[in-house]
Amino acid sequence: MTRMRLMRPMRPMSAALVTVSRFILVLMLVLMLDSCSSKRITKANVDQVTDGMSKKQVESILGPPTSLKNDDFVITKKTTYVYRQGKETVTIVFKDDKVQSKDSTLSD
């Protein structure tokens, strides 16, 4: 005769363990989203931005802008990216999707 092994039913997790697990999960998600959504703006990485770069190239260095403004004129298209970090700002102007100028209040 074969002997059947009885499995003990699983006990539900305690409410405290569930709460802690959820808190850790939410904290990890918030930290991941924060690290993905913005990069720290420094003078060194702003200096990497040069005339003629595309928006995609700029965003790979500085991340997405805090705000942007599009002006579509008949002949040209102008986009202004503004990066805010505390009281400091970086403004990058694109003409026809290429960097035309940049201005920064960042100090060394």
Protein backbone atom coordinates (compact mmCIF):
# COMPACT_ATOMS: atom_id res chain seq x y z
CA MET A 1 0.00 0.00 0.00
CA THR A 2 1.34 3.40 -0.85
CA ARG A 3 1.38 5.94 1.81
CA MET A 4 -0.10 9.31 0.87
CA ARG A 5 1.63 12.28 2.18
CA LEU A 6 -0.71 14.83 3.55
CA MET A 7 0.09 18.42 2.78
CA ARG A 8 -0.50 20.96 5.43
CA PRO A 9 -2.63 23.83 4.28
CA MET A 10 -0.70 27.05 3.80
CA ARG A 11 -1.18 29.60 6.50
CA PRO A 12 -2.12 33.07 5.38
CA MET A 13 0.49 35.75 5.92
CA SER A 14 0.02 37.88 8.94
CA ALA A 15 -1.47 41.30 8.35
CA ALA A 16 1.73 43.00 9.52
CA LEU A 17 3.86 41.07 7.03
CA VAL A 18 1.48 41.95 4.20
CA THR A 19 1.58 45.63 5.17
CA VAL A 20 5.40 45.67 5.32
CA SER A 21 5.63 43.85 1.98
CA ARG A 22 3.32 46.35 0.31
CA PHE A 23 5.25 49.28 1.78
CA ILE A 24 8.55 47.93 0.48
CA LEU A 25 7.05 47.33 -2.96
CA VAL A 26 5.64 50.87 -3.17
CA LEU A 27 8.93 52.35 -1.97
CA MET A 28 10.88 50.43 -4.62
CA LEU A 29 8.48 51.58 -7.35
CA VAL A 30 8.73 55.23 -6.28
CA LEU A 31 12.53 55.10 -6.23
CA MET A 32 12.63 53.42 -9.64
CA LEU A 33 10.28 55.97 -11.19
CA ASP A 34 12.20 58.86 -9.68
CA SER A 35 15.51 57.61 -11.04
CA CYS A 36 14.01 57.05 -14.49
CA SER A 37 12.13 60.32 -14.79
CA SER A 38 14.89 62.78 -14.11
CA LYS A 39 18.61 63.14 -14.07
CA ARG A 40 20.62 65.42 -11.91
CA ILE A 41 21.50 68.51 -13.92
CA THR A 42 25.16 69.49 -13.52
CA LYS A 43 27.39 72.01 -15.25
CA ALA A 44 29.44 69.12 -16.61
CA ASN A 45 26.52 67.48 -18.41
CA VAL A 46 25.13 70.83 -19.61
CA ASP A 47 28.57 71.51 -21.11
CA GLN A 48 28.18 68.29 -23.14
CA VAL A 49 25.24 69.84 -24.99
CA THR A 50 26.51 71.50 -28.16
CA ASP A 51 25.00 73.42 -31.06
CA GLY A 52 23.39 71.21 -33.68
CA MET A 53 22.43 68.36 -31.32
CA SER A 54 18.98 66.82 -31.68
CA LYS A 55 16.34 66.79 -28.96
CA LYS A 56 16.92 63.06 -28.49
CA GLN A 57 20.65 63.61 -27.93
CA VAL A 58 19.98 66.38 -25.40
CA GLU A 59 17.45 64.24 -23.54
CA SER A 60 19.93 61.36 -23.38
CA ILE A 61 22.30 63.70 -21.50
CA LEU A 62 19.91 65.80 -19.39
CA GLY A 63 16.73 63.73 -19.32
CA PRO A 64 13.29 65.09 -20.19
CA PRO A 65 12.79 68.84 -19.67
CA THR A 66 10.83 70.23 -16.74
CA SER A 67 8.81 72.26 -19.24
CA LEU A 68 8.85 73.01 -22.94
CA LYS A 69 7.39 75.54 -25.33
CA ASN A 70 6.78 75.07 -29.05
CA ASP A 71 6.58 77.97 -31.51
CA ASP A 72 5.73 76.98 -35.05
CA PHE A 73 6.48 79.83 -37.42
CA VAL A 74 5.78 79.69 -41.14
CA ILE A 75 9.42 79.14 -42.06
CA THR A 76 10.97 77.60 -38.96
CA LYS A 77 10.01 75.69 -35.86
CA LYS A 78 11.36 76.77 -32.46
CA THR A 79 11.24 74.67 -29.28
CA THR A 80 12.47 75.78 -25.87
CA TYR A 81 13.39 73.22 -23.21
CA VAL A 82 13.61 74.45 -19.63
CA TYR A 83 15.22 72.36 -16.90
CA ARG A 84 14.59 73.50 -13.32
CA GLN A 85 16.53 72.22 -10.37
CA GLY A 86 15.82 74.17 -7.22
CA LYS A 87 16.49 77.82 -8.02
CA GLU A 88 18.76 77.02 -10.95
CA THR A 89 17.60 76.72 -14.55
CA VAL A 90 18.95 75.56 -17.87
CA THR A 91 17.27 76.81 -21.06
CA ILE A 92 17.96 75.17 -24.40
CA VAL A 93 16.51 76.57 -27.62
CA PHE A 94 16.07 74.35 -30.67
CA LYS A 95 15.61 75.72 -34.16
CA ASP A 96 14.21 73.11 -36.56
CA ASP A 97 14.88 70.43 -33.89
CA LYS A 98 18.61 71.24 -33.54
CA VAL A 99 20.23 73.07 -30.60
CA GLN A 100 20.58 76.74 -31.47
CA SER A 101 21.52 78.13 -28.04
CA LYS A 102 21.70 77.31 -24.35
CA ASP A 103 21.69 79.36 -21.19
CA SER A 104 22.36 78.20 -17.66
CA THR A 105 22.33 79.64 -14.13
CA LEU A 106 24.30 76.63 -12.83
CA SER A 107 27.48 77.40 -10.96
CA ASP A 108 30.54 75.17 -10.76
